[in-house]
N, C-alpha and C. Protein backbone atom coordinates (compact mmCIF):
# COMPACT_ATOMS: atom_id res chain seq x y z
N MET A 1 -16.06 15.01 9.02
CA MET A 1 -15.71 13.88 8.20
C MET A 1 -16.87 12.88 8.20
N PHE A 2 -17.18 12.35 7.03
CA PHE A 2 -18.24 11.36 6.95
C PHE A 2 -17.82 10.07 7.63
N LYS A 3 -18.80 9.33 8.11
CA LYS A 3 -18.52 8.06 8.76
C LYS A 3 -17.69 7.16 7.86
N ASN A 4 -18.02 7.10 6.57
CA ASN A 4 -17.31 6.25 5.64
C ASN A 4 -15.82 6.63 5.57
N HIS A 5 -15.53 7.93 5.58
CA HIS A 5 -14.14 8.39 5.55
C HIS A 5 -13.40 7.98 6.82
N ILE A 6 -14.09 8.04 7.93
CA ILE A 6 -13.48 7.62 9.20
C ILE A 6 -13.20 6.13 9.17
N ASP A 7 -14.15 5.34 8.68
CA ASP A 7 -13.95 3.89 8.58
C ASP A 7 -12.77 3.55 7.68
N ILE A 8 -12.67 4.24 6.55
CA ILE A 8 -11.58 4.00 5.61
C ILE A 8 -10.24 4.33 6.26
N LYS A 9 -10.17 5.44 6.97
CA LYS A 9 -8.94 5.84 7.66
C LYS A 9 -8.57 4.81 8.73
N LEU A 10 -9.56 4.33 9.48
CA LEU A 10 -9.30 3.30 10.50
C LEU A 10 -8.80 2.00 9.88
N LYS A 11 -9.37 1.62 8.75
CA LYS A 11 -8.91 0.42 8.04
C LYS A 11 -7.48 0.59 7.57
N HIS A 12 -7.14 1.80 7.14
CA HIS A 12 -5.76 2.07 6.72
C HIS A 12 -4.80 1.98 7.91
N GLN A 13 -5.19 2.58 9.03
CA GLN A 13 -4.34 2.50 10.22
C GLN A 13 -4.15 1.04 10.64
N ASN A 14 -5.19 0.25 10.51
CA ASN A 14 -5.09 -1.18 10.81
C ASN A 14 -4.14 -1.86 9.83
N PHE A 15 -4.19 -1.46 8.56
CA PHE A 15 -3.27 -1.99 7.55
C PHE A 15 -1.82 -1.77 7.99
N VAL A 16 -1.50 -0.53 8.34
CA VAL A 16 -0.13 -0.18 8.73
C VAL A 16 0.30 -1.01 9.94
N LYS A 17 -0.54 -1.06 10.95
CA LYS A 17 -0.20 -1.81 12.17
C LYS A 17 -0.03 -3.30 11.88
N ARG A 18 -0.98 -3.86 11.15
CA ARG A 18 -0.99 -5.31 10.91
C ARG A 18 0.18 -5.76 10.04
N VAL A 19 0.48 -5.03 8.96
CA VAL A 19 1.58 -5.47 8.09
C VAL A 19 2.93 -5.33 8.78
N CYS A 20 3.03 -4.39 9.70
CA CYS A 20 4.27 -4.26 10.47
C CYS A 20 4.41 -5.42 11.46
N GLU A 21 3.30 -5.88 12.01
CA GLU A 21 3.34 -7.02 12.93
C GLU A 21 3.69 -8.32 12.21
N THR A 22 3.04 -8.55 11.08
CA THR A 22 3.20 -9.83 10.38
C THR A 22 4.35 -9.82 9.36
N LYS A 23 4.74 -8.62 8.94
CA LYS A 23 5.75 -8.41 7.90
C LYS A 23 5.31 -9.00 6.56
N ILE A 24 3.99 -9.10 6.37
CA ILE A 24 3.41 -9.62 5.12
C ILE A 24 2.33 -8.66 4.63
N VAL A 25 2.33 -8.44 3.32
CA VAL A 25 1.30 -7.67 2.64
C VAL A 25 0.66 -8.61 1.62
N TYR A 26 -0.62 -8.45 1.36
CA TYR A 26 -1.32 -9.31 0.40
C TYR A 26 -1.80 -8.50 -0.79
N GLY A 27 -1.69 -9.10 -1.95
CA GLY A 27 -2.21 -8.51 -3.18
C GLY A 27 -3.07 -9.53 -3.89
N LEU A 28 -3.78 -9.08 -4.90
CA LEU A 28 -4.53 -9.96 -5.77
C LEU A 28 -3.85 -9.92 -7.14
N GLU A 29 -3.49 -11.10 -7.65
CA GLU A 29 -2.71 -11.17 -8.88
C GLU A 29 -3.34 -12.15 -9.87
N CYS A 30 -3.25 -11.78 -11.14
CA CYS A 30 -3.64 -12.69 -12.22
C CYS A 30 -2.55 -12.62 -13.27
N GLU A 31 -2.74 -13.31 -14.39
CA GLU A 31 -1.69 -13.33 -15.41
C GLU A 31 -1.42 -11.95 -16.00
N ASP A 32 -2.38 -11.03 -15.89
CA ASP A 32 -2.20 -9.67 -16.40
C ASP A 32 -1.57 -8.71 -15.40
N GLY A 33 -1.40 -9.15 -14.16
CA GLY A 33 -0.81 -8.28 -13.15
C GLY A 33 -1.64 -8.25 -11.88
N PHE A 34 -1.45 -7.20 -11.12
CA PHE A 34 -2.11 -7.05 -9.83
C PHE A 34 -3.40 -6.26 -9.95
N ALA A 35 -4.27 -6.42 -8.95
CA ALA A 35 -5.56 -5.74 -8.92
C ALA A 35 -5.38 -4.23 -8.88
N THR A 36 -6.06 -3.57 -9.79
CA THR A 36 -5.96 -2.12 -9.88
C THR A 36 -7.34 -1.47 -9.78
N SER A 37 -7.30 -0.21 -9.49
CA SER A 37 -8.51 0.59 -9.42
C SER A 37 -8.14 2.00 -9.87
N SER A 38 -9.09 2.88 -9.85
CA SER A 38 -8.86 4.29 -10.17
C SER A 38 -9.22 5.14 -8.97
N SER A 39 -8.45 6.17 -8.77
CA SER A 39 -8.64 7.03 -7.61
C SER A 39 -9.98 7.77 -7.67
N ASN A 40 -10.58 7.90 -6.51
CA ASN A 40 -11.77 8.74 -6.35
C ASN A 40 -11.39 10.14 -5.90
N GLU A 41 -10.11 10.33 -5.53
CA GLU A 41 -9.68 11.59 -4.93
C GLU A 41 -8.65 12.36 -5.75
N PHE A 42 -7.82 11.62 -6.53
CA PHE A 42 -6.68 12.27 -7.19
C PHE A 42 -6.76 12.11 -8.70
N GLU A 43 -6.37 13.19 -9.40
CA GLU A 43 -6.34 13.18 -10.86
C GLU A 43 -4.93 13.48 -11.34
N ASP A 44 -4.60 12.97 -12.54
CA ASP A 44 -3.30 13.28 -13.14
C ASP A 44 -3.39 14.63 -13.84
N ASP A 45 -2.34 15.02 -14.54
CA ASP A 45 -2.29 16.32 -15.20
C ASP A 45 -3.33 16.47 -16.31
N ASN A 46 -3.85 15.35 -16.80
CA ASN A 46 -4.85 15.38 -17.86
C ASN A 46 -6.28 15.32 -17.32
N GLY A 47 -6.43 15.36 -16.00
CA GLY A 47 -7.74 15.31 -15.40
C GLY A 47 -8.32 13.91 -15.27
N GLU A 48 -7.49 12.90 -15.53
CA GLU A 48 -7.91 11.50 -15.42
C GLU A 48 -7.62 10.99 -14.01
N PRO A 49 -8.44 10.08 -13.49
CA PRO A 49 -8.15 9.51 -12.17
C PRO A 49 -6.80 8.78 -12.17
N VAL A 50 -6.05 8.97 -11.10
CA VAL A 50 -4.75 8.30 -10.94
C VAL A 50 -5.00 6.82 -10.69
N GLY A 51 -4.14 5.98 -11.24
CA GLY A 51 -4.24 4.55 -11.04
C GLY A 51 -3.81 4.14 -9.64
N ILE A 52 -4.42 3.07 -9.16
CA ILE A 52 -4.13 2.54 -7.82
C ILE A 52 -3.86 1.05 -7.95
N ILE A 53 -2.88 0.56 -7.22
CA ILE A 53 -2.72 -0.88 -7.05
C ILE A 53 -3.09 -1.17 -5.60
N CYS A 54 -3.96 -2.16 -5.42
CA CYS A 54 -4.56 -2.42 -4.11
C CYS A 54 -3.82 -3.52 -3.35
N PHE A 55 -3.70 -3.32 -2.04
CA PHE A 55 -3.04 -4.27 -1.15
C PHE A 55 -3.84 -4.38 0.14
N TRP A 56 -3.68 -5.53 0.81
CA TRP A 56 -4.42 -5.80 2.04
C TRP A 56 -3.49 -6.29 3.13
N SER A 57 -3.95 -6.13 4.37
CA SER A 57 -3.17 -6.55 5.53
C SER A 57 -3.46 -7.99 5.93
N ASP A 58 -4.54 -8.55 5.42
CA ASP A 58 -4.92 -9.91 5.79
C ASP A 58 -5.39 -10.67 4.56
N LYS A 59 -5.06 -11.94 4.50
CA LYS A 59 -5.45 -12.79 3.39
C LYS A 59 -6.97 -12.83 3.22
N VAL A 60 -7.69 -12.89 4.33
CA VAL A 60 -9.15 -12.96 4.29
C VAL A 60 -9.74 -11.70 3.64
N LEU A 61 -9.19 -10.55 3.96
CA LEU A 61 -9.67 -9.30 3.36
C LEU A 61 -9.43 -9.29 1.86
N ALA A 62 -8.25 -9.73 1.44
CA ALA A 62 -7.94 -9.79 0.02
C ALA A 62 -8.87 -10.77 -0.68
N ARG A 63 -9.04 -11.93 -0.10
CA ARG A 63 -9.89 -12.97 -0.69
C ARG A 63 -11.34 -12.49 -0.84
N SER A 64 -11.81 -11.68 0.12
CA SER A 64 -13.20 -11.21 0.06
C SER A 64 -13.44 -10.28 -1.13
N CYS A 65 -12.39 -9.76 -1.73
CA CYS A 65 -12.52 -8.86 -2.87
C CYS A 65 -12.42 -9.58 -4.21
N LYS A 66 -12.28 -10.90 -4.17
CA LYS A 66 -12.22 -11.69 -5.41
C LYS A 66 -13.62 -11.85 -5.99
N LYS A 67 -14.11 -10.79 -6.62
CA LYS A 67 -15.42 -10.82 -7.25
C LYS A 67 -15.41 -9.84 -8.41
N ASN A 68 -16.42 -9.90 -9.23
CA ASN A 68 -16.55 -9.03 -10.40
C ASN A 68 -15.27 -9.05 -11.23
N ASP A 69 -14.66 -7.90 -11.45
CA ASP A 69 -13.45 -7.82 -12.28
C ASP A 69 -12.27 -8.59 -11.69
N TRP A 70 -12.28 -8.84 -10.40
CA TRP A 70 -11.15 -9.51 -9.73
C TRP A 70 -11.44 -10.97 -9.41
N LYS A 71 -12.51 -11.53 -9.93
CA LYS A 71 -12.91 -12.89 -9.55
C LYS A 71 -11.88 -13.95 -9.92
N ASP A 72 -11.07 -13.72 -10.95
CA ASP A 72 -10.08 -14.71 -11.38
C ASP A 72 -8.69 -14.45 -10.80
N TYR A 73 -8.58 -13.53 -9.89
CA TYR A 73 -7.30 -13.20 -9.27
C TYR A 73 -7.03 -14.16 -8.11
N GLU A 74 -5.75 -14.34 -7.80
CA GLU A 74 -5.33 -15.17 -6.67
C GLU A 74 -4.65 -14.30 -5.63
N VAL A 75 -4.82 -14.64 -4.38
CA VAL A 75 -4.16 -13.92 -3.29
C VAL A 75 -2.67 -14.23 -3.31
N THR A 76 -1.85 -13.20 -3.24
CA THR A 76 -0.40 -13.32 -3.29
C THR A 76 0.21 -12.65 -2.06
N GLU A 77 1.16 -13.33 -1.43
CA GLU A 77 1.89 -12.75 -0.28
C GLU A 77 3.13 -12.00 -0.76
N ILE A 78 3.37 -10.87 -0.14
CA ILE A 78 4.55 -10.06 -0.43
C ILE A 78 5.22 -9.74 0.90
N ASP A 79 6.50 -10.03 1.02
CA ASP A 79 7.24 -9.66 2.23
C ASP A 79 7.23 -8.13 2.37
N LEU A 80 7.12 -7.65 3.60
CA LEU A 80 7.02 -6.22 3.84
C LEU A 80 8.23 -5.47 3.30
N ASN A 81 9.43 -6.01 3.48
CA ASN A 81 10.61 -5.29 2.98
C ASN A 81 10.56 -5.17 1.45
N THR A 82 10.13 -6.21 0.76
CA THR A 82 9.98 -6.17 -0.70
C THR A 82 8.89 -5.18 -1.09
N PHE A 83 7.79 -5.19 -0.34
CA PHE A 83 6.70 -4.26 -0.59
C PHE A 83 7.20 -2.82 -0.50
N ILE A 84 7.98 -2.52 0.51
CA ILE A 84 8.49 -1.15 0.69
C ILE A 84 9.48 -0.80 -0.42
N GLU A 85 10.49 -1.66 -0.60
CA GLU A 85 11.57 -1.33 -1.54
C GLU A 85 11.14 -1.35 -3.01
N ASN A 86 10.33 -2.31 -3.37
CA ASN A 86 9.98 -2.46 -4.78
C ASN A 86 8.62 -1.86 -5.13
N TRP A 87 7.61 -2.18 -4.34
CA TRP A 87 6.26 -1.74 -4.68
C TRP A 87 6.04 -0.27 -4.37
N CYS A 88 6.21 0.14 -3.12
CA CYS A 88 5.89 1.52 -2.74
C CYS A 88 6.76 2.52 -3.49
N ILE A 89 8.05 2.25 -3.56
CA ILE A 89 8.95 3.16 -4.27
C ILE A 89 8.63 3.16 -5.76
N GLY A 90 8.44 1.98 -6.33
CA GLY A 90 8.15 1.88 -7.76
C GLY A 90 6.84 2.54 -8.14
N LEU A 91 5.80 2.31 -7.35
CA LEU A 91 4.50 2.91 -7.65
C LEU A 91 4.57 4.43 -7.57
N ASP A 92 5.26 4.94 -6.55
CA ASP A 92 5.39 6.39 -6.43
C ASP A 92 6.15 6.95 -7.62
N ASN A 93 7.24 6.28 -8.01
CA ASN A 93 8.02 6.73 -9.16
C ASN A 93 7.20 6.70 -10.46
N ASP A 94 6.27 5.76 -10.54
CA ASP A 94 5.42 5.63 -11.74
C ASP A 94 4.18 6.52 -11.69
N GLY A 95 4.01 7.28 -10.62
CA GLY A 95 2.86 8.18 -10.51
C GLY A 95 1.57 7.47 -10.14
N LEU A 96 1.69 6.26 -9.58
CA LEU A 96 0.51 5.51 -9.15
C LEU A 96 0.37 5.59 -7.63
N LEU A 97 -0.79 5.26 -7.14
CA LEU A 97 -1.08 5.28 -5.71
C LEU A 97 -1.16 3.86 -5.18
N VAL A 98 -1.01 3.74 -3.86
CA VAL A 98 -1.23 2.48 -3.16
C VAL A 98 -2.62 2.56 -2.54
N GLY A 99 -3.40 1.51 -2.74
CA GLY A 99 -4.71 1.40 -2.09
C GLY A 99 -4.59 0.39 -0.97
N THR A 100 -5.06 0.75 0.22
CA THR A 100 -4.95 -0.17 1.35
C THR A 100 -6.32 -0.62 1.83
N ASN A 101 -6.39 -1.92 2.08
CA ASN A 101 -7.58 -2.57 2.66
C ASN A 101 -8.89 -2.14 2.00
N PHE A 102 -8.89 -2.17 0.65
CA PHE A 102 -10.13 -1.90 -0.07
C PHE A 102 -11.16 -2.96 0.32
N ASP A 103 -12.42 -2.57 0.29
CA ASP A 103 -13.48 -3.53 0.62
C ASP A 103 -14.14 -4.04 -0.66
N GLN A 104 -15.16 -4.87 -0.49
CA GLN A 104 -15.85 -5.47 -1.63
C GLN A 104 -16.55 -4.44 -2.51
N ASN A 105 -16.79 -3.26 -1.97
CA ASN A 105 -17.44 -2.19 -2.72
C ASN A 105 -16.45 -1.22 -3.34
N MET A 106 -15.17 -1.61 -3.31
CA MET A 106 -14.09 -0.81 -3.90
C MET A 106 -13.83 0.51 -3.18
N PHE A 107 -14.07 0.52 -1.89
CA PHE A 107 -13.72 1.66 -1.06
C PHE A 107 -12.50 1.30 -0.24
N GLY A 108 -11.53 2.20 -0.23
CA GLY A 108 -10.33 1.99 0.55
C GLY A 108 -9.52 3.26 0.61
N PHE A 109 -8.42 3.19 1.31
CA PHE A 109 -7.57 4.36 1.51
C PHE A 109 -6.60 4.48 0.35
N GLU A 110 -6.39 5.71 -0.13
CA GLU A 110 -5.48 5.99 -1.23
C GLU A 110 -4.32 6.82 -0.70
N ILE A 111 -3.09 6.38 -1.01
CA ILE A 111 -1.93 7.07 -0.48
C ILE A 111 -0.75 6.94 -1.44
N GLU A 112 0.08 7.95 -1.47
CA GLU A 112 1.31 7.88 -2.27
C GLU A 112 2.26 6.90 -1.61
N GLY A 113 3.04 6.21 -2.42
CA GLY A 113 3.96 5.21 -1.91
C GLY A 113 4.95 5.74 -0.89
N TYR A 114 5.53 6.90 -1.15
CA TYR A 114 6.51 7.47 -0.22
C TYR A 114 5.87 7.79 1.12
N GLU A 115 4.65 8.33 1.08
CA GLU A 115 3.95 8.66 2.33
C GLU A 115 3.66 7.39 3.12
N LEU A 116 3.27 6.33 2.43
CA LEU A 116 3.01 5.07 3.11
C LEU A 116 4.28 4.53 3.74
N ILE A 117 5.39 4.64 3.05
CA ILE A 117 6.65 4.17 3.62
C ILE A 117 6.96 4.90 4.92
N LEU A 118 6.77 6.21 4.93
CA LEU A 118 7.03 6.98 6.16
C LEU A 118 6.13 6.52 7.30
N GLU A 119 4.85 6.22 7.00
CA GLU A 119 3.96 5.70 8.04
C GLU A 119 4.44 4.34 8.54
N LEU A 120 4.88 3.49 7.61
CA LEU A 120 5.38 2.17 8.00
C LEU A 120 6.65 2.28 8.83
N ILE A 121 7.55 3.17 8.44
CA ILE A 121 8.78 3.38 9.20
C ILE A 121 8.45 3.79 10.63
N HIS A 122 7.52 4.73 10.77
CA HIS A 122 7.13 5.19 12.11
C HIS A 122 6.61 4.03 12.95
N GLU A 123 5.73 3.22 12.37
CA GLU A 123 5.16 2.08 13.09
C GLU A 123 6.24 1.05 13.44
N LEU A 124 7.12 0.78 12.49
CA LEU A 124 8.20 -0.20 12.74
C LEU A 124 9.12 0.29 13.86
N LYS A 125 9.50 1.56 13.82
CA LYS A 125 10.39 2.11 14.85
C LYS A 125 9.70 2.13 16.21
N THR A 126 8.43 2.51 16.23
CA THR A 126 7.68 2.57 17.48
C THR A 126 7.66 1.21 18.18
N ASN A 127 7.61 0.15 17.39
CA ASN A 127 7.51 -1.20 17.94
C ASN A 127 8.82 -1.97 17.88
N ASN A 128 9.92 -1.26 17.61
CA ASN A 128 11.26 -1.86 17.56
C ASN A 128 11.31 -3.09 16.64
N ILE A 129 10.69 -2.97 15.48
CA ILE A 129 10.70 -4.04 14.49
C ILE A 129 11.76 -3.72 13.45
N ILE A 130 12.61 -4.68 13.18
CA ILE A 130 13.72 -4.50 12.24
C ILE A 130 13.41 -5.26 10.96
N LEU A 131 13.68 -4.62 9.83
CA LEU A 131 13.57 -5.26 8.53
C LEU A 131 14.93 -5.27 7.87
N ASP A 132 15.21 -6.29 7.10
CA ASP A 132 16.43 -6.35 6.30
C ASP A 132 16.09 -5.92 4.89
N PHE A 133 16.87 -4.99 4.36
CA PHE A 133 16.64 -4.47 3.02
C PHE A 133 17.78 -4.85 2.09
N GLN A 134 17.49 -4.84 0.80
CA GLN A 134 18.50 -5.06 -0.23
C GLN A 134 19.19 -3.75 -0.61
N LYS A 135 18.42 -2.67 -0.66
CA LYS A 135 18.90 -1.40 -1.20
C LYS A 135 19.22 -0.35 -0.14
N PHE A 136 18.89 -0.65 1.10
CA PHE A 136 19.10 0.30 2.19
C PHE A 136 19.77 -0.41 3.34
N LYS A 137 20.58 0.33 4.12
CA LYS A 137 21.28 -0.28 5.26
C LYS A 137 20.32 -0.69 6.36
N ASN A 138 19.33 0.19 6.61
CA ASN A 138 18.37 -0.05 7.69
C ASN A 138 17.22 0.96 7.55
N LEU A 139 16.32 0.98 8.51
CA LEU A 139 15.19 1.91 8.46
C LEU A 139 15.63 3.37 8.45
N ASN A 140 16.65 3.70 9.24
CA ASN A 140 17.13 5.08 9.28
C ASN A 140 17.66 5.52 7.92
N ASP A 141 18.43 4.65 7.27
CA ASP A 141 18.97 4.95 5.95
C ASP A 141 17.82 5.17 4.96
N LEU A 142 16.83 4.30 4.99
CA LEU A 142 15.66 4.44 4.12
C LEU A 142 14.96 5.77 4.37
N GLU A 143 14.74 6.09 5.62
CA GLU A 143 14.04 7.32 5.98
C GLU A 143 14.82 8.56 5.53
N ILE A 144 16.11 8.56 5.73
CA ILE A 144 16.95 9.71 5.32
C ILE A 144 16.89 9.89 3.81
N GLN A 145 17.05 8.79 3.06
CA GLN A 145 17.03 8.89 1.60
C GLN A 145 15.66 9.30 1.08
N LEU A 146 14.62 8.77 1.70
CA LEU A 146 13.26 9.10 1.28
C LEU A 146 12.96 10.58 1.54
N ASN A 147 13.34 11.07 2.70
CA ASN A 147 13.12 12.49 3.00
C ASN A 147 13.89 13.38 2.05
N ALA A 148 15.09 12.98 1.67
CA ALA A 148 15.88 13.76 0.72
C ALA A 148 15.20 13.81 -0.65
N ILE A 149 14.67 12.69 -1.10
CA ILE A 149 13.95 12.64 -2.38
C ILE A 149 12.71 13.51 -2.33
N MET A 150 11.99 13.44 -1.24
CA MET A 150 10.72 14.17 -1.13
C MET A 150 10.93 15.68 -1.08
N LYS A 151 12.12 16.13 -0.69
CA LYS A 151 12.40 17.57 -0.62
C LYS A 151 12.74 18.15 -1.99
N LEU A 152 13.07 17.28 -2.97
CA LEU A 152 13.44 17.76 -4.30
C LEU A 152 12.29 18.40 -5.03
């Protein structure tokens, strides 16, 4: 694995750990929506790069990416439970990817929303962190339903 790939994976692992600790995820938002990018790894059925919406574990990291195409974006806080229920599930259903802790050079980790949720569930359970959900009874209910969907 190239050093850059290792760094990106470590930044992603830090994303998972940090957002579970703080229960906050950060995005960059403007009047047109949230900061997006195109995948370097995944293509859709037409051979086009899959779309990514980018998120960060720390406000400072998000703010550092406010340049070039994102210079007019503002840092936005998202509660972790809302991020899981609305963003990760919605993005996966829409065929988009989640980008975590992208840097100023537009390098970051790309992951499907459902896969990210499973990583977050593991981290939350490992650290006995409880989240309140609108659509699920608890983490176990979310995990059971997600695994059932993924098997289809």
